[in-house]
């Protein structure tokens, strides 16, 4: 369900890497965007957006919720499981991206 990271450049100091995940949540199939921004802090983290809301997760030392908006606990748990399943892949993409700076 996980697509490749794509590097998107939006202006001189702002770009992001994005995964698009189409995941089944019960009977619904939903697009979940997992991305990171180049103009933020150094600690490895990602942002997640979907129809229901958005969240920020830390990836180190373990995957943990940092903040969220409008997402219910069940949905946050489902998203966290997806992130945990792809944690190493996301961290490698982060390191590859930020190693270019």
PDB file of N, CA and C in Angstrom:
ATOM      1  N   UNK A   1       0.808  -1.214   0.000  1.00  0.00           N
ATOM      2  CA  UNK A   1       0.000   0.000   0.000  1.00  0.00           C
ATOM      3  C   UNK A   1       0.846   1.271   0.000  1.00  0.00           C
ATOM      4  N   UNK A   2       2.135   1.144   0.143  1.00  0.00           N
ATOM      5  CA  UNK A   2       2.993   2.309   0.309  1.00  0.00           C
ATOM      6  C   UNK A   2       3.646   2.671  -1.014  1.00  0.00           C
ATOM      7  N   UNK A   3       3.534   3.927  -1.391  1.00  0.00           N
ATOM      8  CA  UNK A   3       4.173   4.404  -2.619  1.00  0.00           C
ATOM      9  C   UNK A   3       5.583   4.878  -2.307  1.00  0.00           C
ATOM     10  N   UNK A   4       6.345   5.158  -3.332  1.00  0.00           N
ATOM     11  CA  UNK A   4       7.684   5.694  -3.156  1.00  0.00           C
ATOM     12  C   UNK A   4       7.601   7.126  -2.639  1.00  0.00           C
ATOM     13  N   UNK A   5       8.648   7.540  -1.916  1.00  0.00           N
ATOM     14  CA  UNK A   5       8.754   8.944  -1.565  1.00  0.00           C
ATOM     15  C   UNK A   5       8.959   9.736  -2.839  1.00  0.00           C
ATOM     16  N   UNK A   6       8.320  10.878  -2.939  1.00  0.00           N
ATOM     17  CA  UNK A   6       8.612  11.784  -4.046  1.00  0.00           C
ATOM     18  C   UNK A   6       9.085  13.096  -3.435  1.00  0.00           C
ATOM     19  N   UNK A   7      10.098  13.666  -4.020  1.00  0.00           N
ATOM     20  CA  UNK A   7      10.696  14.903  -3.526  1.00  0.00           C
ATOM     21  C   UNK A   7      10.027  16.065  -4.242  1.00  0.00           C
ATOM     22  N   UNK A   8       9.369  16.931  -3.500  1.00  0.00           N
ATOM     23  CA  UNK A   8       8.630  18.046  -4.082  1.00  0.00           C
ATOM     24  C   UNK A   8       9.263  19.336  -3.610  1.00  0.00           C
ATOM     25  N   UNK A   9       9.651  20.177  -4.537  1.00  0.00           N
ATOM     26  CA  UNK A   9      10.283  21.448  -4.208  1.00  0.00           C
ATOM     27  C   UNK A   9       9.265  22.570  -4.353  1.00  0.00           C
ATOM     28  N   UNK A  10       9.052  23.317  -3.278  1.00  0.00           N
ATOM     29  CA  UNK A  10       8.112  24.427  -3.278  1.00  0.00           C
ATOM     30  C   UNK A  10       8.857  25.653  -2.779  1.00  0.00           C
ATOM     31  N   UNK A  11       9.520  26.342  -3.652  1.00  0.00           N
ATOM     32  CA  UNK A  11      10.256  27.529  -3.247  1.00  0.00           C
ATOM     33  C   UNK A  11      11.649  27.194  -2.754  1.00  0.00           C
ATOM     34  N   UNK A  12      12.404  28.236  -2.406  1.00  0.00           N
ATOM     35  CA  UNK A  12      13.817  28.094  -2.065  1.00  0.00           C
ATOM     36  C   UNK A  12      14.064  27.325  -0.778  1.00  0.00           C
ATOM     37  N   UNK A  13      13.294  27.565   0.267  1.00  0.00           N
ATOM     38  CA  UNK A  13      13.563  26.966   1.575  1.00  0.00           C
ATOM     39  C   UNK A  13      12.487  25.986   2.022  1.00  0.00           C
ATOM     40  N   UNK A  14      11.635  25.575   1.132  1.00  0.00           N
ATOM     41  CA  UNK A  14      10.539  24.710   1.542  1.00  0.00           C
ATOM     42  C   UNK A  14      10.363  23.603   0.520  1.00  0.00           C
ATOM     43  N   UNK A  15      10.596  22.396   0.945  1.00  0.00           N
ATOM     44  CA  UNK A  15      10.220  21.256   0.131  1.00  0.00           C
ATOM     45  C   UNK A  15       9.844  20.129   1.070  1.00  0.00           C
ATOM     46  N   UNK A  16       9.280  19.103   0.512  1.00  0.00           N
ATOM     47  CA  UNK A  16       8.867  18.005   1.373  1.00  0.00           C
ATOM     48  C   UNK A  16       8.999  16.693   0.628  1.00  0.00           C
ATOM     49  N   UNK A  17       9.051  15.644   1.420  1.00  0.00           N
ATOM     50  CA  UNK A  17       9.037  14.295   0.893  1.00  0.00           C
ATOM     51  C   UNK A  17       7.686  13.718   1.278  1.00  0.00           C
ATOM     52  N   UNK A  18       7.066  12.991   0.383  1.00  0.00           N
ATOM     53  CA  UNK A  18       5.715  12.517   0.671  1.00  0.00           C
ATOM     54  C   UNK A  18       5.545  11.059   0.267  1.00  0.00           C
ATOM     55  N   UNK A  19       4.921  10.295   1.145  1.00  0.00           N
ATOM     56  CA  UNK A  19       4.410   8.967   0.834  1.00  0.00           C
ATOM     57  C   UNK A  19       2.908   9.106   0.694  1.00  0.00           C
ATOM     58  N   UNK A  20       2.360   8.433  -0.255  1.00  0.00           N
ATOM     59  CA  UNK A  20       0.908   8.352  -0.359  1.00  0.00           C
ATOM     60  C   UNK A  20       0.535   6.907  -0.035  1.00  0.00           C
ATOM     61  N   UNK A  21      -0.311   6.741   0.939  1.00  0.00           N
ATOM     62  CA  UNK A  21      -0.744   5.412   1.354  1.00  0.00           C
ATOM     63  C   UNK A  21      -2.252   5.332   1.132  1.00  0.00           C
ATOM     64  N   UNK A  22      -2.688   4.317   0.428  1.00  0.00           N
ATOM     65  CA  UNK A  22      -4.112   4.057   0.325  1.00  0.00           C
ATOM     66  C   UNK A  22      -4.366   2.856   1.211  1.00  0.00           C
ATOM     67  N   UNK A  23      -4.993   3.087   2.321  1.00  0.00           N
ATOM     68  CA  UNK A  23      -5.151   2.053   3.339  1.00  0.00           C
ATOM     69  C   UNK A  23      -6.629   1.810   3.570  1.00  0.00           C
ATOM     70  N   UNK A  24      -6.965   0.569   3.812  1.00  0.00           N
ATOM     71  CA  UNK A  24      -8.344   0.233   4.140  1.00  0.00           C
ATOM     72  C   UNK A  24      -8.547   0.361   5.638  1.00  0.00           C
ATOM     73  N   UNK A  25      -9.506   1.170   6.012  1.00  0.00           N
ATOM     74  CA  UNK A  25      -9.901   1.330   7.408  1.00  0.00           C
ATOM     75  C   UNK A  25     -11.333   0.821   7.496  1.00  0.00           C
ATOM     76  N   UNK A  26     -11.480  -0.415   7.921  1.00  0.00           N
ATOM     77  CA  UNK A  26     -12.808  -1.020   7.919  1.00  0.00           C
ATOM     78  C   UNK A  26     -13.240  -1.220   6.475  1.00  0.00           C
ATOM     79  N   UNK A  27     -14.384  -0.651   6.106  1.00  0.00           N
ATOM     80  CA  UNK A  27     -14.883  -0.790   4.747  1.00  0.00           C
ATOM     81  C   UNK A  27     -14.488   0.388   3.863  1.00  0.00           C
ATOM     82  N   UNK A  28     -13.804   1.365   4.435  1.00  0.00           N
ATOM     83  CA  UNK A  28     -13.422   2.547   3.675  1.00  0.00           C
ATOM     84  C   UNK A  28     -11.957   2.474   3.263  1.00  0.00           C
ATOM     85  N   UNK A  29     -11.676   2.976   2.086  1.00  0.00           N
ATOM     86  CA  UNK A  29     -10.300   3.099   1.610  1.00  0.00           C
ATOM     87  C   UNK A  29      -9.976   4.580   1.640  1.00  0.00           C
ATOM     88  N   UNK A  30      -8.882   4.923   2.287  1.00  0.00           N
ATOM     89  CA  UNK A  30      -8.571   6.328   2.528  1.00  0.00           C
ATOM     90  C   UNK A  30      -7.135   6.648   2.144  1.00  0.00           C
ATOM     91  N   UNK A  31      -6.946   7.830   1.575  1.00  0.00           N
ATOM     92  CA  UNK A  31      -5.600   8.313   1.251  1.00  0.00           C
ATOM     93  C   UNK A  31      -4.997   8.901   2.520  1.00  0.00           C
ATOM     94  N   UNK A  32      -3.791   8.440   2.835  1.00  0.00           N
ATOM     95  CA  UNK A  32      -3.049   8.959   3.984  1.00  0.00           C
ATOM     96  C   UNK A  32      -1.707   9.470   3.450  1.00  0.00           C
ATOM     97  N   UNK A  33      -1.459  10.759   3.600  1.00  0.00           N
ATOM     98  CA  UNK A  33      -0.182  11.338   3.165  1.00  0.00           C
ATOM     99  C   UNK A  33       0.747  11.410   4.356  1.00  0.00           C
ATOM    100  N   UNK A  34       1.935  10.870   4.197  1.00  0.00           N
ATOM    101  CA  UNK A  34       2.966  10.891   5.224  1.00  0.00           C
ATOM    102  C   UNK A  34       4.123  11.696   4.648  1.00  0.00           C
ATOM    103  N   UNK A  35       4.488  12.812   5.299  1.00  0.00           N
ATOM    104  CA  UNK A  35       5.508  13.671   4.709  1.00  0.00           C
ATOM    105  C   UNK A  35       6.348  14.351   5.763  1.00  0.00           C
ATOM    106  N   UNK A  36       7.477  14.876   5.344  1.00  0.00           N
ATOM    107  CA  UNK A  36       8.289  15.718   6.220  1.00  0.00           C
ATOM    108  C   UNK A  36       8.704  16.958   5.471  1.00  0.00           C
ATOM    109  N   UNK A  37       8.953  18.006   6.230  1.00  0.00           N
ATOM    110  CA  UNK A  37       9.271  19.315   5.685  1.00  0.00           C
ATOM    111  C   UNK A  37      10.740  19.630   5.923  1.00  0.00           C
ATOM    112  N   UNK A  38      11.359  20.282   4.967  1.00  0.00           N
ATOM    113  CA  UNK A  38      12.790  20.568   5.051  1.00  0.00           C
ATOM    114  C   UNK A  38      13.131  21.722   5.980  1.00  0.00           C
ATOM    115  N   UNK A  39      12.176  22.553   6.289  1.00  0.00           N
ATOM    116  CA  UNK A  39      12.482  23.756   7.063  1.00  0.00           C
ATOM    117  C   UNK A  39      12.134  23.608   8.540  1.00  0.00           C
ATOM    118  N   UNK A  40      12.168  22.406   9.055  1.00  0.00           N
ATOM    119  CA  UNK A  40      11.792  22.184  10.445  1.00  0.00           C
ATOM    120  C   UNK A  40      12.962  21.669  11.268  1.00  0.00           C
ATOM    121  N   UNK A  41      12.638  21.232  12.468  1.00  0.00           N
ATOM    122  CA  UNK A  41      13.640  20.758  13.423  1.00  0.00           C
ATOM    123  C   UNK A  41      14.381  19.506  12.947  1.00  0.00           C
ATOM    124  N   UNK A  42      15.500  19.231  13.593  1.00  0.00           N
ATOM    125  CA  UNK A  42      16.358  18.117  13.188  1.00  0.00           C
ATOM    126  C   UNK A  42      15.883  16.751  13.681  1.00  0.00           C
ATOM    127  N   UNK A  43      15.110  16.710  14.747  1.00  0.00           N
ATOM    128  CA  UNK A  43      14.644  15.424  15.272  1.00  0.00           C
ATOM    129  C   UNK A  43      13.738  14.755  14.234  1.00  0.00           C
ATOM    130  N   UNK A  44      13.980  13.479  13.970  1.00  0.00           N
ATOM    131  CA  UNK A  44      13.235  12.776  12.926  1.00  0.00           C
ATOM    132  C   UNK A  44      11.765  12.645  13.318  1.00  0.00           C
ATOM    133  N   UNK A  45      10.920  13.189  12.461  1.00  0.00           N
ATOM    134  CA  UNK A  45       9.479  13.136  12.670  1.00  0.00           C
ATOM    135  C   UNK A  45       8.782  13.224  11.318  1.00  0.00           C
ATOM    136  N   UNK A  46       7.513  12.894  11.300  1.00  0.00           N
ATOM    137  CA  UNK A  46       6.715  13.012  10.085  1.00  0.00           C
ATOM    138  C   UNK A  46       5.386  13.658  10.404  1.00  0.00           C
ATOM    139  N   UNK A  47       4.785  14.191   9.375  1.00  0.00           N
ATOM    140  CA  UNK A  47       3.433  14.722   9.447  1.00  0.00           C
ATOM    141  C   UNK A  47       2.536  13.778   8.664  1.00  0.00           C
ATOM    142  N   UNK A  48       1.306  13.646   9.112  1.00  0.00           N
ATOM    143  CA  UNK A  48       0.341  12.765   8.464  1.00  0.00           C
ATOM    144  C   UNK A  48      -0.935  13.557   8.249  1.00  0.00           C
ATOM    145  N   UNK A  49      -1.483  13.484   7.049  1.00  0.00           N
ATOM    146  CA  UNK A  49      -2.788  14.086   6.788  1.00  0.00           C
ATOM    147  C   UNK A  49      -3.683  13.049   6.141  1.00  0.00           C
ATOM    148  N   UNK A  50      -4.951  13.120   6.457  1.00  0.00           N
ATOM    149  CA  UNK A  50      -5.965  12.279   5.835  1.00  0.00           C
ATOM    150  C   UNK A  50      -7.287  13.037   5.917  1.00  0.00           C
ATOM    151  N   UNK A  51      -8.343  12.452   5.399  1.00  0.00           N
ATOM    152  CA  UNK A  51      -9.640  13.130   5.399  1.00  0.00           C
ATOM    153  C   UNK A  51     -10.085  13.529   6.801  1.00  0.00           C
ATOM    154  N   UNK A  52      -9.721  12.728   7.781  1.00  0.00           N
ATOM    155  CA  UNK A  52     -10.204  12.937   9.147  1.00  0.00           C
ATOM    156  C   UNK A  52      -9.459  14.025   9.913  1.00  0.00           C
ATOM    157  N   UNK A  53      -8.224  14.335   9.516  1.00  0.00           N
ATOM    158  CA  UNK A  53      -7.445  15.309  10.263  1.00  0.00           C
ATOM    159  C   UNK A  53      -5.964  15.174   9.973  1.00  0.00           C
ATOM    160  N   UNK A  54      -5.154  15.565  10.951  1.00  0.00           N
ATOM    161  CA  UNK A  54      -3.697  15.523  10.762  1.00  0.00           C
ATOM    162  C   UNK A  54      -3.001  15.247  12.080  1.00  0.00           C
ATOM    163  N   UNK A  55      -1.742  14.817  11.969  1.00  0.00           N
ATOM    164  CA  UNK A  55      -0.961  14.497  13.166  1.00  0.00           C
ATOM    165  C   UNK A  55       0.523  14.623  12.852  1.00  0.00           C
ATOM    166  N   UNK A  56       1.300  14.648  13.925  1.00  0.00           N
ATOM    167  CA  UNK A  56       2.762  14.638  13.830  1.00  0.00           C
ATOM    168  C   UNK A  56       3.249  13.513  14.735  1.00  0.00           C
ATOM    169  N   UNK A  57       4.165  12.695  14.204  1.00  0.00           N
ATOM    170  CA  UNK A  57       4.720  11.579  14.960  1.00  0.00           C
ATOM    171  C   UNK A  57       6.235  11.683  15.001  1.00  0.00           C
ATOM    172  N   UNK A  58       6.800  11.428  16.174  1.00  0.00           N
ATOM    173  CA  UNK A  58       8.249  11.254  16.301  1.00  0.00           C
ATOM    174  C   UNK A  58       8.566   9.845  15.847  1.00  0.00           C
ATOM    175  N   UNK A  59       9.746   9.647  15.234  1.00  0.00           N
ATOM    176  CA  UNK A  59      10.157   8.312  14.810  1.00  0.00           C
ATOM    177  C   UNK A  59      11.273   7.737  15.655  1.00  0.00           C
ATOM    178  N   UNK A  60      11.925   8.554  16.435  1.00  0.00           N
ATOM    179  CA  UNK A  60      13.008   8.087  17.297  1.00  0.00           C
ATOM    180  C   UNK A  60      12.849   8.669  18.693  1.00  0.00           C
ATOM    181  N   UNK A  61      13.139   7.925  19.724  1.00  0.00           N
ATOM    182  CA  UNK A  61      13.692   6.572  19.714  1.00  0.00           C
ATOM    183  C   UNK A  61      12.663   5.511  19.319  1.00  0.00           C
ATOM    184  N   UNK A  62      11.374   5.799  19.519  1.00  0.00           N
ATOM    185  CA  UNK A  62      10.305   4.908  19.057  1.00  0.00           C
ATOM    186  C   UNK A  62       9.247   5.779  18.386  1.00  0.00           C
ATOM    187  N   UNK A  63       8.371   5.159  17.624  1.00  0.00           N
ATOM    188  CA  UNK A  63       7.266   5.904  17.015  1.00  0.00           C
ATOM    189  C   UNK A  63       6.323   6.346  18.121  1.00  0.00           C
ATOM    190  N   UNK A  64       6.110   7.668  18.215  1.00  0.00           N
ATOM    191  CA  UNK A  64       5.206   8.185  19.237  1.00  0.00           C
ATOM    192  C   UNK A  64       4.509   9.441  18.719  1.00  0.00           C
ATOM    193  N   UNK A  65       3.295   9.627  19.169  1.00  0.00           N
ATOM    194  CA  UNK A  65       2.480  10.765  18.759  1.00  0.00           C
ATOM    195  C   UNK A  65       3.001  12.047  19.392  1.00  0.00           C
ATOM    196  N   UNK A  66       3.203  13.076  18.569  1.00  0.00           N
ATOM    197  CA  UNK A  66       3.637  14.382  19.075  1.00  0.00           C
ATOM    198  C   UNK A  66       2.433  15.307  19.230  1.00  0.00           C
ATOM    199  N   UNK A  67       1.672  15.505  18.158  1.00  0.00           N
ATOM    200  CA  UNK A  67       0.478  16.354  18.190  1.00  0.00           C
ATOM    201  C   UNK A  67      -0.535  15.808  17.191  1.00  0.00           C
ATOM    202  N   UNK A  68      -1.777  16.244  17.345  1.00  0.00           N
ATOM    203  CA  UNK A  68      -2.801  15.858  16.376  1.00  0.00           C
ATOM    204  C   UNK A  68      -3.930  16.874  16.384  1.00  0.00           C
ATOM    205  N   UNK A  69      -4.714  16.832  15.302  1.00  0.00           N
ATOM    206  CA  UNK A  69      -5.865  17.727  15.166  1.00  0.00           C
ATOM    207  C   UNK A  69      -6.993  16.954  14.485  1.00  0.00           C
ATOM    208  N   UNK A  70      -8.112  16.841  15.162  1.00  0.00           N
ATOM    209  CA  UNK A  70      -9.362  16.238  14.668  1.00  0.00           C
ATOM    210  C   UNK A  70      -9.360  14.719  14.533  1.00  0.00           C
ATOM    211  N   UNK A  71      -8.266  14.042  14.772  1.00  0.00           N
ATOM    212  CA  UNK A  71      -8.252  12.588  14.632  1.00  0.00           C
ATOM    213  C   UNK A  71      -8.700  11.920  15.925  1.00  0.00           C
ATOM    214  N   UNK A  72      -9.511  10.891  15.790  1.00  0.00           N
ATOM    215  CA  UNK A  72      -9.978  10.133  16.953  1.00  0.00           C
ATOM    216  C   UNK A  72      -8.918   9.105  17.346  1.00  0.00           C
ATOM    217  N   UNK A  73      -8.939   8.690  18.616  1.00  0.00           N
ATOM    218  CA  UNK A  73      -7.923   7.735  19.094  1.00  0.00           C
ATOM    219  C   UNK A  73      -7.791   6.472  18.243  1.00  0.00           C
ATOM    220  N   UNK A  74      -8.900   5.914  17.782  1.00  0.00           N
ATOM    221  CA  UNK A  74      -8.838   4.696  16.968  1.00  0.00           C
ATOM    222  C   UNK A  74      -8.060   4.958  15.675  1.00  0.00           C
ATOM    223  N   UNK A  75      -8.344   6.067  15.010  1.00  0.00           N
ATOM    224  CA  UNK A  75      -7.661   6.408  13.761  1.00  0.00           C
ATOM    225  C   UNK A  75      -6.175   6.667  14.019  1.00  0.00           C
ATOM    226  N   UNK A  76      -5.856   7.367  15.114  1.00  0.00           N
ATOM    227  CA  UNK A  76      -4.449   7.613  15.467  1.00  0.00           C
ATOM    228  C   UNK A  76      -3.706   6.297  15.653  1.00  0.00           C
ATOM    229  N   UNK A  77      -4.343   5.345  16.304  1.00  0.00           N
ATOM    230  CA  UNK A  77      -3.730   4.032  16.510  1.00  0.00           C
ATOM    231  C   UNK A  77      -3.490   3.308  15.197  1.00  0.00           C
ATOM    232  N   UNK A  78      -4.473   3.378  14.288  1.00  0.00           N
ATOM    233  CA  UNK A  78      -4.330   2.726  12.984  1.00  0.00           C
ATOM    234  C   UNK A  78      -3.182   3.350  12.196  1.00  0.00           C
ATOM    235  N   UNK A  79      -3.095   4.673  12.226  1.00  0.00           N
ATOM    236  CA  UNK A  79      -2.024   5.369  11.510  1.00  0.00           C
ATOM    237  C   UNK A  79      -0.672   5.043  12.129  1.00  0.00           C
ATOM    238  N   UNK A  80      -0.609   4.981  13.447  1.00  0.00           N
ATOM    239  CA  UNK A  80       0.656   4.668  14.104  1.00  0.00           C
ATOM    240  C   UNK A  80       1.153   3.278  13.695  1.00  0.00           C
ATOM    241  N   UNK A  81       0.249   2.330  13.559  1.00  0.00           N
ATOM    242  CA  UNK A  81       0.635   0.984  13.119  1.00  0.00           C
ATOM    243  C   UNK A  81       1.243   1.038  11.716  1.00  0.00           C
ATOM    244  N   UNK A  82       0.651   1.809  10.823  1.00  0.00           N
ATOM    245  CA  UNK A  82       1.182   1.959   9.462  1.00  0.00           C
ATOM    246  C   UNK A  82       2.596   2.535   9.517  1.00  0.00           C
ATOM    247  N   UNK A  83       2.772   3.576  10.326  1.00  0.00           N
ATOM    248  CA  UNK A  83       4.088   4.215  10.455  1.00  0.00           C
ATOM    249  C   UNK A  83       5.110   3.225  11.015  1.00  0.00           C
ATOM    250  N   UNK A  84       4.716   2.465  12.034  1.00  0.00           N
ATOM    251  CA  UNK A  84       5.625   1.480  12.621  1.00  0.00           C
ATOM    252  C   UNK A  84       6.039   0.433  11.589  1.00  0.00           C
ATOM    253  N   UNK A  85       5.103   0.019  10.726  1.00  0.00           N
ATOM    254  CA  UNK A  85       5.409  -0.975   9.709  1.00  0.00           C
ATOM    255  C   UNK A  85       6.444  -0.465   8.709  1.00  0.00           C
ATOM    256  N   UNK A  86       6.484   0.839   8.484  1.00  0.00           N
ATOM    257  CA  UNK A  86       7.359   1.427   7.469  1.00  0.00           C
ATOM    258  C   UNK A  86       8.414   2.349   8.074  1.00  0.00           C
ATOM    259  N   UNK A  87       8.623   2.244   9.370  1.00  0.00           N
ATOM    260  CA  UNK A  87       9.525   3.143  10.095  1.00  0.00           C
ATOM    261  C   UNK A  87      10.926   3.185   9.491  1.00  0.00           C
ATOM    262  N   UNK A  88      11.541   2.044   9.278  1.00  0.00           N
ATOM    263  CA  UNK A  88      12.911   2.008   8.764  1.00  0.00           C
ATOM    264  C   UNK A  88      13.005   2.646   7.380  1.00  0.00           C
ATOM    265  N   UNK A  89      12.024   2.381   6.550  1.00  0.00           N
ATOM    266  CA  UNK A  89      11.989   2.950   5.207  1.00  0.00           C
ATOM    267  C   UNK A  89      11.855   4.479   5.261  1.00  0.00           C
ATOM    268  N   UNK A  90      11.016   4.976   6.143  1.00  0.00           N
ATOM    269  CA  UNK A  90      10.820   6.415   6.286  1.00  0.00           C
ATOM    270  C   UNK A  90      12.086   7.070   6.829  1.00  0.00           C
ATOM    271  N   UNK A  91      12.699   6.453   7.836  1.00  0.00           N
ATOM    272  CA  UNK A  91      13.935   7.016   8.407  1.00  0.00           C
ATOM    273  C   UNK A  91      15.036   7.063   7.348  1.00  0.00           C
ATOM    274  N   UNK A  92      15.144   6.026   6.522  1.00  0.00           N
ATOM    275  CA  UNK A  92      16.157   6.025   5.465  1.00  0.00           C
ATOM    276  C   UNK A  92      15.894   7.140   4.453  1.00  0.00           C
ATOM    277  N   UNK A  93      14.632   7.341   4.089  1.00  0.00           N
ATOM    278  CA  UNK A  93      14.288   8.423   3.157  1.00  0.00           C
ATOM    279  C   UNK A  93      14.617   9.778   3.777  1.00  0.00           C
ATOM    280  N   UNK A  94      14.354   9.944   5.090  1.00  0.00           N
ATOM    281  CA  UNK A  94      14.696  11.185   5.801  1.00  0.00           C
ATOM    282  C   UNK A  94      16.198  11.440   5.706  1.00  0.00           C
ATOM    283  N   UNK A  95      16.992  10.408   6.027  1.00  0.00           N
ATOM    284  CA  UNK A  95      18.452  10.553   6.016  1.00  0.00           C
ATOM    285  C   UNK A  95      18.970  10.848   4.612  1.00  0.00           C
ATOM    286  N   UNK A  96      18.415  10.194   3.611  1.00  0.00           N
ATOM    287  CA  UNK A  96      18.820  10.467   2.232  1.00  0.00           C
ATOM    288  C   UNK A  96      18.486  11.897   1.838  1.00  0.00           C
ATOM    289  N   UNK A  97      17.311  12.353   2.221  1.00  0.00           N
ATOM    290  CA  UNK A  97      16.870  13.698   1.863  1.00  0.00           C
ATOM    291  C   UNK A  97      17.698  14.763   2.586  1.00  0.00           C
ATOM    292  N   UNK A  98      17.840  14.629   3.889  1.00  0.00           N
ATOM    293  CA  UNK A  98      18.524  15.658   4.652  1.00  0.00           C
ATOM    294  C   UNK A  98      20.041  15.574   4.532  1.00  0.00           C
ATOM    295  N   UNK A  99      20.553  14.462   4.022  1.00  0.00           N
ATOM    296  CA  UNK A  99      21.970  14.347   3.750  1.00  0.00           C
ATOM    297  C   UNK A  99      22.387  15.219   2.567  1.00  0.00           C
ATOM    298  N   UNK A 100      21.407  15.649   1.760  1.00  0.00           N
ATOM    299  CA  UNK A 100      21.674  16.494   0.601  1.00  0.00           C
ATOM    300  C   UNK A 100      21.925  17.946   0.977  1.00  0.00           C
ATOM    301  N   UNK A 101      21.553  18.339   2.198  1.00  0.00           N
ATOM    302  CA  UNK A 101      21.662  19.751   2.601  1.00  0.00           C
ATOM    303  C   UNK A 101      23.076  20.133   2.867  1.00  0.00           C
TER     304      UNK A 101
END
